[in-house]
Protein backbone atom coordinates (compact mmCIF):
# COMPACT_ATOMS: atom_id res chain seq x y z
CA MET A 1 13.19 -53.48 16.52
CA LYS A 2 16.23 -53.11 19.48
CA VAL A 3 19.53 -52.79 18.09
CA ARG A 4 22.05 -55.06 20.35
CA SER A 5 25.10 -52.31 21.38
CA ARG A 6 27.62 -54.99 19.36
CA ASP A 7 25.25 -54.79 16.26
CA GLY A 8 25.60 -51.24 16.39
CA LYS A 9 29.27 -51.57 16.75
CA GLY A 10 29.51 -53.91 13.84
CA LEU A 11 27.67 -51.46 11.60
CA ILE A 12 29.99 -48.39 12.89
CA ILE A 13 32.96 -50.20 11.90
CA ASP A 14 31.13 -51.34 8.29
CA PHE A 15 30.38 -48.03 7.72
CA VAL A 16 34.01 -47.18 8.73
CA LEU A 17 35.36 -49.55 6.05
CA VAL A 18 32.60 -48.74 3.72
CA VAL A 19 34.08 -44.80 3.79
CA ALA A 20 37.83 -45.93 3.97
CA GLY A 21 37.66 -47.81 1.12
CA VAL A 22 35.53 -45.08 -1.00
CA MET A 23 38.47 -42.80 0.34
CA LEU A 24 41.17 -44.45 -0.60
CA ALA A 25 39.43 -45.64 -3.98
CA LEU A 26 39.55 -42.02 -4.36
CA ALA A 27 42.54 -41.29 -3.58
CA VAL A 28 44.17 -43.69 -6.27
CA ASP A 29 41.86 -42.24 -8.70
CA GLU A 30 43.38 -38.73 -8.43
CA TRP A 31 46.90 -40.22 -8.17
CA ARG A 32 46.31 -42.00 -11.32
CA GLU A 33 45.03 -39.17 -12.78
CA GLU A 34 47.93 -36.62 -11.59
CA SER A 35 50.17 -39.25 -12.82
CA GLN A 36 48.38 -39.41 -16.38
CA ARG A 37 48.70 -35.47 -16.27
CA ASP A 38 52.60 -35.54 -15.61
CA THR A 39 52.96 -37.83 -18.51
CA GLN A 40 50.90 -35.72 -20.69
CA THR A 41 52.66 -32.74 -19.75
CA ARG A 42 56.52 -34.40 -20.03
CA LYS A 43 55.23 -35.74 -23.44
CA VAL A 44 54.03 -32.18 -24.57
CA VAL A 45 57.35 -30.69 -23.36
CA ASP A 46 59.13 -32.96 -25.41
CA ALA A 47 57.11 -31.76 -28.50
CA LEU A 48 57.78 -27.84 -27.37
CA ALA A 49 61.48 -28.74 -27.38
CA GLU A 50 61.52 -30.64 -30.99
CA GLU A 51 59.50 -27.80 -32.20
CA VAL A 52 61.72 -24.70 -30.97
CA GLN A 53 64.76 -26.77 -32.34
CA ARG A 54 63.08 -27.54 -35.68
CA ASN A 55 61.93 -23.63 -35.61
CA ALA A 56 65.11 -22.67 -34.46
CA ASP A 57 66.85 -24.67 -37.40
CA GLU A 58 64.44 -23.06 -40.00
CA LEU A 59 65.64 -19.66 -39.22
CA THR A 60 69.14 -20.65 -38.90
CA ARG A 61 68.70 -21.96 -42.97
CA SER A 62 66.19 -19.09 -43.84
CA LEU A 63 68.83 -16.44 -42.38
CA ALA A 64 71.71 -18.53 -44.27
CA TYR A 65 69.90 -17.90 -47.79
CA TYR A 66 68.99 -14.16 -46.87
CA ARG A 67 72.46 -13.22 -45.99
CA SER A 68 74.05 -15.13 -49.15
CA MET A 69 71.31 -12.84 -51.13
CA ILE A 70 72.78 -9.83 -50.30
CA PRO A 71 75.43 -9.75 -52.55
CA GLU A 72 73.09 -10.59 -55.12
CA LEU A 73 70.41 -8.47 -54.56
CA LYS A 74 73.33 -5.65 -54.58
CA GLN A 75 74.44 -6.63 -58.15
CA SER A 76 70.53 -6.29 -59.28
CA ILE A 77 70.34 -2.66 -57.75
CA ALA A 78 73.73 -1.87 -59.22
CA LEU A 79 72.73 -3.03 -62.72
CA MET A 80 69.52 -1.27 -62.06
CA ARG A 81 70.76 1.69 -61.56
CA ASP A 82 73.69 1.61 -64.50
CA GLU A 83 71.26 -0.22 -67.35
CA GLY A 84 67.60 0.59 -66.01
CA GLN A 85 67.04 -3.09 -66.17
CA TRP A 86 65.96 -5.34 -62.87
CA GLN A 87 67.69 -8.74 -63.21
CA TRP A 88 66.65 -11.25 -60.22
CA PRO A 89 69.57 -13.00 -58.52
CA GLU A 90 70.03 -16.61 -59.62
CA GLY A 91 68.50 -18.86 -57.16
CA PHE A 92 66.23 -15.97 -55.54
CA ASP A 93 63.04 -17.33 -54.00
CA ALA A 94 60.88 -14.17 -53.14
CA ALA A 95 58.86 -16.71 -50.99
CA SER A 96 61.42 -18.32 -49.27
CA GLU A 97 59.84 -16.98 -46.09
CA PRO A 98 60.99 -19.67 -42.63
CA GLU A 99 57.50 -21.78 -42.56
CA LEU A 100 57.60 -22.06 -38.40
CA THR A 101 55.07 -24.44 -36.49
CA LYS A 102 53.40 -24.20 -33.05
CA ALA A 103 51.20 -27.93 -33.36
CA ALA A 104 53.21 -28.42 -29.95
CA TYR A 105 52.16 -24.86 -28.48
CA ASP A 106 48.41 -25.57 -29.76
CA SER A 107 48.56 -28.99 -28.03
CA ALA A 108 49.89 -27.82 -24.73
CA VAL A 109 46.94 -24.89 -24.70
CA ILE A 110 44.47 -27.41 -25.81
CA THR A 111 45.64 -30.21 -23.44
CA GLY A 112 45.85 -27.46 -20.19
CA SER A 113 49.29 -28.76 -20.00
CA LEU A 114 50.64 -25.10 -20.33
CA PRO A 115 49.13 -24.08 -16.79
CA ARG A 116 51.40 -26.87 -15.39
CA PHE A 117 54.73 -24.69 -16.29
CA ASP A 118 56.13 -21.65 -14.36
CA ILE A 119 55.01 -18.03 -15.15
CA GLU A 120 58.71 -17.62 -17.00
CA THR A 121 58.22 -20.53 -19.20
CA ILE A 122 55.06 -19.68 -19.85
CA ARG A 123 56.16 -15.67 -20.52
CA ALA A 124 58.86 -17.23 -23.14
CA LEU A 125 56.62 -19.86 -24.76
CA SER A 126 53.96 -16.97 -25.47
CA THR A 127 56.45 -14.39 -26.41
CA LEU A 128 58.02 -16.85 -28.69
CA TYR A 129 55.06 -18.65 -30.18
CA ASN A 130 52.94 -14.66 -30.53
CA GLY A 131 51.96 -13.87 -33.94
CA LEU A 132 52.52 -17.50 -35.90
CA ASP A 133 49.59 -18.37 -37.48
CA SER A 134 50.67 -22.02 -38.66
């Protein structure tokens, strides 16, 4: 079968258009995926900021509680020394450990958002969350 030059040009044009269309579709798909990753990362950043604030509030509350217990515990120690009897301070809760969370941090790791942060942020978050089991 003999291909005329005009048909050959038409085939080349069709081929170029198909390739350009596929490349454009891939570029649009990559842009859409990057946009979704950016949206996910913004959500993770917001969740991390809220979580860090909640943890800071919990630590502040806990610190206030333990500071308020110092004089009470000193009185209990003095009573123990003077009378040989231990008395727990009123309002003392030995289980009043701060309840810190790390769900947003875990989410950042699982979703792959954490590697999108700069290295100093990753180091700070890693240090901040190191040792939390919840």
